[in-house]
Amino acid sequence: MSGDAPVQTCGRLLARHRLDGVACEVRLPPRPSRVRAGWERIVPPGARPDSKLDVRFRHVASGFEIRHCGHPTANFPYLIYGPDGTTYVAPNGRGYMSLAEAQAAVEVLS
């Protein structure tokens, strides 16, 4: 097998182990794009492009922005910011649990 072409890997590494003397990797499939129609993904300078903590989403038509609060295990991490800087929270008084919920709320607001 030493003449085989290198294997392309993608997705997040879950485990690396040896099976009968052969090195194996277990990986998740790559994540699908989270960018909905009418939205743009903004990666600030110096931010990790694959991190949900640093990336922002902007509604192209209205200018509303969705940002993650920055805490990796937050239950309600997504907050909405209006074009004038106003912060919008979910009806429960907190942020939104998912990016899709926050995007749907912006689409109703605008």
N, C-alpha and C. Protein backbone atom coordinates (compact mmCIF):
# COMPACT_ATOMS: atom_id res chain seq x y z
N MET A 1 0.80 -1.19 0.00
CA MET A 1 0.00 0.00 0.00
C MET A 1 0.85 1.26 0.00
N SER A 2 2.15 1.13 0.10
CA SER A 2 2.98 2.32 0.17
C SER A 2 2.97 3.11 -1.12
N GLY A 3 2.55 2.52 -2.26
CA GLY A 3 2.50 3.22 -3.53
C GLY A 3 1.18 3.92 -3.78
N ASP A 4 0.23 3.79 -2.84
CA ASP A 4 -1.07 4.43 -3.03
C ASP A 4 -0.96 5.95 -2.95
N ALA A 5 -1.86 6.62 -3.64
CA ALA A 5 -1.91 8.09 -3.58
C ALA A 5 -2.35 8.51 -2.19
N PRO A 6 -1.90 9.67 -1.72
CA PRO A 6 -2.34 10.12 -0.39
C PRO A 6 -3.84 10.32 -0.34
N VAL A 7 -4.40 10.03 0.80
CA VAL A 7 -5.85 10.14 0.99
C VAL A 7 -6.18 11.58 1.37
N GLN A 8 -7.19 12.16 0.72
CA GLN A 8 -7.67 13.49 1.08
C GLN A 8 -8.58 13.35 2.29
N THR A 9 -8.34 14.14 3.31
CA THR A 9 -9.19 14.10 4.49
C THR A 9 -9.96 15.41 4.59
N CYS A 10 -11.14 15.32 5.13
CA CYS A 10 -11.93 16.51 5.35
C CYS A 10 -12.78 16.29 6.59
N GLY A 11 -13.29 17.36 7.12
CA GLY A 11 -14.11 17.26 8.32
C GLY A 11 -13.28 17.27 9.58
N ARG A 12 -13.96 17.31 10.70
CA ARG A 12 -13.32 17.41 12.00
C ARG A 12 -12.85 16.04 12.47
N LEU A 13 -11.62 15.96 12.97
CA LEU A 13 -11.05 14.71 13.46
C LEU A 13 -11.71 14.33 14.79
N LEU A 14 -12.25 13.12 14.86
CA LEU A 14 -12.86 12.62 16.09
C LEU A 14 -11.92 11.73 16.87
N ALA A 15 -11.21 10.84 16.16
CA ALA A 15 -10.34 9.89 16.84
C ALA A 15 -9.23 9.44 15.91
N ARG A 16 -8.12 9.10 16.52
CA ARG A 16 -6.98 8.55 15.77
C ARG A 16 -6.54 7.31 16.55
N HIS A 17 -6.45 6.17 15.90
CA HIS A 17 -6.05 4.95 16.59
C HIS A 17 -5.35 4.00 15.61
N ARG A 18 -4.86 2.89 16.14
CA ARG A 18 -4.22 1.87 15.31
C ARG A 18 -5.09 0.62 15.33
N LEU A 19 -5.31 0.04 14.18
CA LEU A 19 -6.11 -1.16 14.05
C LEU A 19 -5.29 -2.19 13.30
N ASP A 20 -4.92 -3.27 13.96
CA ASP A 20 -4.06 -4.30 13.37
C ASP A 20 -2.79 -3.70 12.78
N GLY A 21 -2.19 -2.75 13.47
CA GLY A 21 -0.95 -2.15 13.03
C GLY A 21 -1.10 -1.06 11.98
N VAL A 22 -2.33 -0.75 11.60
CA VAL A 22 -2.59 0.28 10.58
C VAL A 22 -3.18 1.51 11.26
N ALA A 23 -2.59 2.68 10.97
CA ALA A 23 -3.11 3.92 11.55
C ALA A 23 -4.44 4.28 10.90
N CYS A 24 -5.43 4.62 11.72
CA CYS A 24 -6.76 4.98 11.22
C CYS A 24 -7.20 6.30 11.83
N GLU A 25 -8.01 7.04 11.09
CA GLU A 25 -8.61 8.27 11.58
C GLU A 25 -10.12 8.19 11.38
N VAL A 26 -10.85 8.67 12.36
CA VAL A 26 -12.31 8.76 12.26
C VAL A 26 -12.64 10.24 12.19
N ARG A 27 -13.33 10.65 11.13
CA ARG A 27 -13.65 12.06 10.93
C ARG A 27 -15.14 12.24 10.67
N LEU A 28 -15.65 13.41 11.10
CA LEU A 28 -17.01 13.81 10.75
C LEU A 28 -17.02 14.32 9.32
N PRO A 29 -18.12 14.19 8.60
CA PRO A 29 -18.18 14.82 7.28
C PRO A 29 -18.12 16.34 7.43
N PRO A 30 -17.66 17.05 6.40
CA PRO A 30 -17.59 18.51 6.51
C PRO A 30 -18.97 19.11 6.75
N ARG A 31 -19.00 20.22 7.49
CA ARG A 31 -20.27 20.88 7.77
C ARG A 31 -20.80 21.56 6.52
N PRO A 32 -22.11 21.49 6.32
CA PRO A 32 -22.67 22.24 5.18
C PRO A 32 -22.59 23.73 5.46
N SER A 33 -22.63 24.52 4.42
CA SER A 33 -22.58 25.96 4.58
C SER A 33 -23.80 26.43 5.35
N ARG A 34 -23.59 27.39 6.27
CA ARG A 34 -24.71 27.92 7.05
C ARG A 34 -25.22 29.24 6.49
N VAL A 35 -24.77 29.60 5.33
CA VAL A 35 -25.16 30.89 4.77
C VAL A 35 -26.46 30.72 3.99
N ARG A 36 -27.51 31.38 4.47
CA ARG A 36 -28.81 31.36 3.79
C ARG A 36 -28.84 32.41 2.70
N ALA A 37 -29.78 32.27 1.79
CA ALA A 37 -29.96 33.29 0.74
C ALA A 37 -30.29 34.62 1.39
N GLY A 38 -29.67 35.70 0.91
CA GLY A 38 -29.91 37.02 1.44
C GLY A 38 -29.00 37.39 2.60
N TRP A 39 -28.07 36.52 2.94
CA TRP A 39 -27.15 36.74 4.05
C TRP A 39 -25.73 36.66 3.55
N GLU A 40 -24.84 37.41 4.22
CA GLU A 40 -23.41 37.25 3.91
C GLU A 40 -22.67 36.94 5.20
N ARG A 41 -21.67 36.12 5.06
CA ARG A 41 -20.84 35.71 6.19
C ARG A 41 -19.64 36.64 6.25
N ILE A 42 -19.39 37.24 7.40
CA ILE A 42 -18.30 38.19 7.56
C ILE A 42 -17.29 37.61 8.54
N VAL A 43 -16.04 37.51 8.09
CA VAL A 43 -14.96 37.04 8.96
C VAL A 43 -14.08 38.24 9.27
N PRO A 44 -14.11 38.75 10.50
CA PRO A 44 -13.28 39.91 10.86
C PRO A 44 -11.79 39.58 10.72
N PRO A 45 -10.94 40.57 10.48
CA PRO A 45 -9.50 40.33 10.37
C PRO A 45 -8.96 39.68 11.65
N GLY A 46 -8.16 38.66 11.47
CA GLY A 46 -7.57 37.96 12.61
C GLY A 46 -8.44 36.88 13.20
N ALA A 47 -9.67 36.75 12.73
CA ALA A 47 -10.59 35.73 13.26
C ALA A 47 -10.37 34.41 12.53
N ARG A 48 -10.69 33.33 13.20
CA ARG A 48 -10.61 32.01 12.56
C ARG A 48 -11.85 31.85 11.67
N PRO A 49 -11.67 31.61 10.39
CA PRO A 49 -12.83 31.51 9.49
C PRO A 49 -13.73 30.31 9.76
N ASP A 50 -13.21 29.28 10.42
CA ASP A 50 -14.03 28.10 10.69
C ASP A 50 -14.70 28.15 12.06
N SER A 51 -14.52 29.24 12.79
CA SER A 51 -15.07 29.36 14.13
C SER A 51 -16.40 30.12 14.13
N LYS A 52 -17.39 29.55 14.77
CA LYS A 52 -18.68 30.25 14.88
C LYS A 52 -18.61 31.39 15.89
N LEU A 53 -17.58 31.39 16.75
CA LEU A 53 -17.48 32.40 17.79
C LEU A 53 -17.08 33.76 17.23
N ASP A 54 -16.32 33.79 16.15
CA ASP A 54 -15.80 35.03 15.61
C ASP A 54 -16.55 35.55 14.39
N VAL A 55 -17.23 34.66 13.69
CA VAL A 55 -17.86 35.01 12.43
C VAL A 55 -19.19 35.72 12.67
N ARG A 56 -19.50 36.68 11.81
CA ARG A 56 -20.77 37.42 11.88
C ARG A 56 -21.57 37.16 10.62
N PHE A 57 -22.87 37.33 10.71
CA PHE A 57 -23.74 37.18 9.55
C PHE A 57 -24.53 38.47 9.37
N ARG A 58 -24.54 39.01 8.16
CA ARG A 58 -25.23 40.28 7.88
C ARG A 58 -26.33 40.06 6.87
N HIS A 59 -27.53 40.56 7.21
CA HIS A 59 -28.66 40.51 6.29
C HIS A 59 -28.44 41.60 5.25
N VAL A 60 -28.28 41.21 4.01
CA VAL A 60 -27.89 42.13 2.96
C VAL A 60 -28.92 43.24 2.76
N ALA A 61 -30.20 42.91 2.76
CA ALA A 61 -31.24 43.89 2.46
C ALA A 61 -31.43 44.93 3.56
N SER A 62 -31.29 44.52 4.82
CA SER A 62 -31.61 45.43 5.93
C SER A 62 -30.40 45.94 6.71
N GLY A 63 -29.28 45.23 6.65
CA GLY A 63 -28.10 45.62 7.41
C GLY A 63 -28.05 45.07 8.82
N PHE A 64 -29.07 44.29 9.23
CA PHE A 64 -29.03 43.66 10.55
C PHE A 64 -27.87 42.67 10.59
N GLU A 65 -27.26 42.53 11.78
CA GLU A 65 -26.15 41.61 11.96
C GLU A 65 -26.45 40.64 13.08
N ILE A 66 -25.99 39.41 12.92
CA ILE A 66 -26.10 38.40 13.97
C ILE A 66 -24.68 38.05 14.40
N ARG A 67 -24.47 38.07 15.72
CA ARG A 67 -23.16 37.73 16.27
C ARG A 67 -23.31 36.69 17.36
N HIS A 68 -22.31 35.86 17.51
CA HIS A 68 -22.25 34.89 18.61
C HIS A 68 -21.69 35.63 19.82
N CYS A 69 -22.15 35.30 20.99
CA CYS A 69 -21.71 36.01 22.21
C CYS A 69 -20.26 35.74 22.56
N GLY A 70 -19.69 34.67 22.04
CA GLY A 70 -18.29 34.36 22.29
C GLY A 70 -18.06 33.25 23.28
N HIS A 71 -19.07 32.85 24.01
CA HIS A 71 -18.92 31.75 24.97
C HIS A 71 -19.20 30.44 24.24
N PRO A 72 -18.24 29.51 24.19
CA PRO A 72 -18.39 28.30 23.37
C PRO A 72 -19.52 27.36 23.79
N THR A 73 -19.97 27.42 25.04
CA THR A 73 -21.03 26.50 25.47
C THR A 73 -22.31 27.24 25.87
N ALA A 74 -22.49 28.45 25.39
CA ALA A 74 -23.68 29.23 25.73
C ALA A 74 -24.95 28.55 25.21
N ASN A 75 -26.03 28.64 25.97
CA ASN A 75 -27.31 28.07 25.55
C ASN A 75 -28.07 28.98 24.59
N PHE A 76 -27.89 30.27 24.72
CA PHE A 76 -28.58 31.25 23.87
C PHE A 76 -27.54 32.23 23.31
N PRO A 77 -26.68 31.77 22.39
CA PRO A 77 -25.50 32.55 22.02
C PRO A 77 -25.68 33.63 20.96
N TYR A 78 -26.75 33.59 20.19
CA TYR A 78 -26.86 34.50 19.05
C TYR A 78 -27.67 35.75 19.37
N LEU A 79 -27.06 36.91 19.15
CA LEU A 79 -27.72 38.20 19.38
C LEU A 79 -27.85 38.93 18.05
N ILE A 80 -28.89 39.74 17.95
CA ILE A 80 -29.16 40.51 16.73
C ILE A 80 -28.83 41.97 17.01
N TYR A 81 -28.12 42.58 16.08
CA TYR A 81 -27.78 44.00 16.17
C TYR A 81 -28.35 44.71 14.96
N GLY A 82 -29.13 45.77 15.21
CA GLY A 82 -29.72 46.55 14.13
C GLY A 82 -28.68 47.43 13.46
N PRO A 83 -29.03 47.99 12.30
CA PRO A 83 -28.11 48.88 11.58
C PRO A 83 -27.70 50.09 12.41
N ASP A 84 -28.55 50.50 13.36
CA ASP A 84 -28.24 51.66 14.21
C ASP A 84 -27.52 51.27 15.50
N GLY A 85 -27.21 49.96 15.67
CA GLY A 85 -26.49 49.49 16.86
C GLY A 85 -27.38 48.96 17.96
N THR A 86 -28.70 49.02 17.78
CA THR A 86 -29.64 48.50 18.77
C THR A 86 -29.50 46.98 18.88
N THR A 87 -29.51 46.46 20.11
CA THR A 87 -29.45 45.01 20.34
C THR A 87 -30.86 44.47 20.49
N TYR A 88 -31.16 43.41 19.77
CA TYR A 88 -32.47 42.75 19.85
C TYR A 88 -32.29 41.37 20.46
N VAL A 89 -33.13 41.04 21.43
CA VAL A 89 -33.06 39.72 22.07
C VAL A 89 -34.30 38.92 21.69
N ALA A 90 -34.27 37.65 22.02
CA ALA A 90 -35.40 36.76 21.75
C ALA A 90 -36.56 37.09 22.70
N PRO A 91 -37.76 36.60 22.42
CA PRO A 91 -38.89 36.85 23.30
C PRO A 91 -38.67 36.38 24.74
N ASN A 92 -37.74 35.44 24.95
CA ASN A 92 -37.46 34.96 26.31
C ASN A 92 -36.53 35.90 27.06
N GLY A 93 -36.12 37.01 26.43
CA GLY A 93 -35.24 37.98 27.08
C GLY A 93 -33.76 37.64 26.98
N ARG A 94 -33.45 36.60 26.25
CA ARG A 94 -32.07 36.16 26.07
C ARG A 94 -31.75 36.20 24.58
N GLY A 95 -30.62 35.61 24.22
CA GLY A 95 -30.29 35.48 22.81
C GLY A 95 -31.07 34.34 22.18
N TYR A 96 -30.74 34.02 20.93
CA TYR A 96 -31.40 32.92 20.22
C TYR A 96 -30.55 31.67 20.33
N MET A 97 -31.20 30.51 20.40
CA MET A 97 -30.48 29.25 20.55
C MET A 97 -29.72 28.85 19.29
N SER A 98 -30.24 29.19 18.14
CA SER A 98 -29.57 28.76 16.90
C SER A 98 -29.48 29.93 15.93
N LEU A 99 -28.55 29.80 15.03
CA LEU A 99 -28.37 30.81 13.99
C LEU A 99 -29.62 30.89 13.12
N ALA A 100 -30.23 29.76 12.81
CA ALA A 100 -31.43 29.74 11.97
C ALA A 100 -32.58 30.51 12.64
N GLU A 101 -32.74 30.37 13.96
CA GLU A 101 -33.79 31.11 14.68
C GLU A 101 -33.54 32.62 14.61
N ALA A 102 -32.29 33.00 14.81
CA ALA A 102 -31.95 34.44 14.76
C ALA A 102 -32.15 34.99 13.35
N GLN A 103 -31.78 34.24 12.34
CA GLN A 103 -31.99 34.69 10.96
C GLN A 103 -33.46 34.84 10.64
N ALA A 104 -34.28 33.90 11.10
CA ALA A 104 -35.73 33.99 10.87
C ALA A 104 -36.30 35.22 11.55
N ALA A 105 -35.81 35.53 12.76
CA ALA A 105 -36.29 36.72 13.49
C ALA A 105 -35.91 38.00 12.74
N VAL A 106 -34.72 38.06 12.20
CA VAL A 106 -34.30 39.25 11.43
C VAL A 106 -35.16 39.40 10.19
N GLU A 107 -35.45 38.31 9.54
CA GLU A 107 -36.27 38.38 8.32
C GLU A 107 -37.67 38.89 8.63
N VAL A 108 -38.17 38.65 9.84
CA VAL A 108 -39.47 39.18 10.25
C VAL A 108 -39.34 40.66 10.62
N LEU A 109 -38.25 41.01 11.32
CA LEU A 109 -38.03 42.41 11.75
C LEU A 109 -37.85 43.36 10.57
N SER A 110 -37.19 42.91 9.53
CA SER A 110 -36.84 43.83 8.44
C SER A 110 -37.91 43.93 7.38
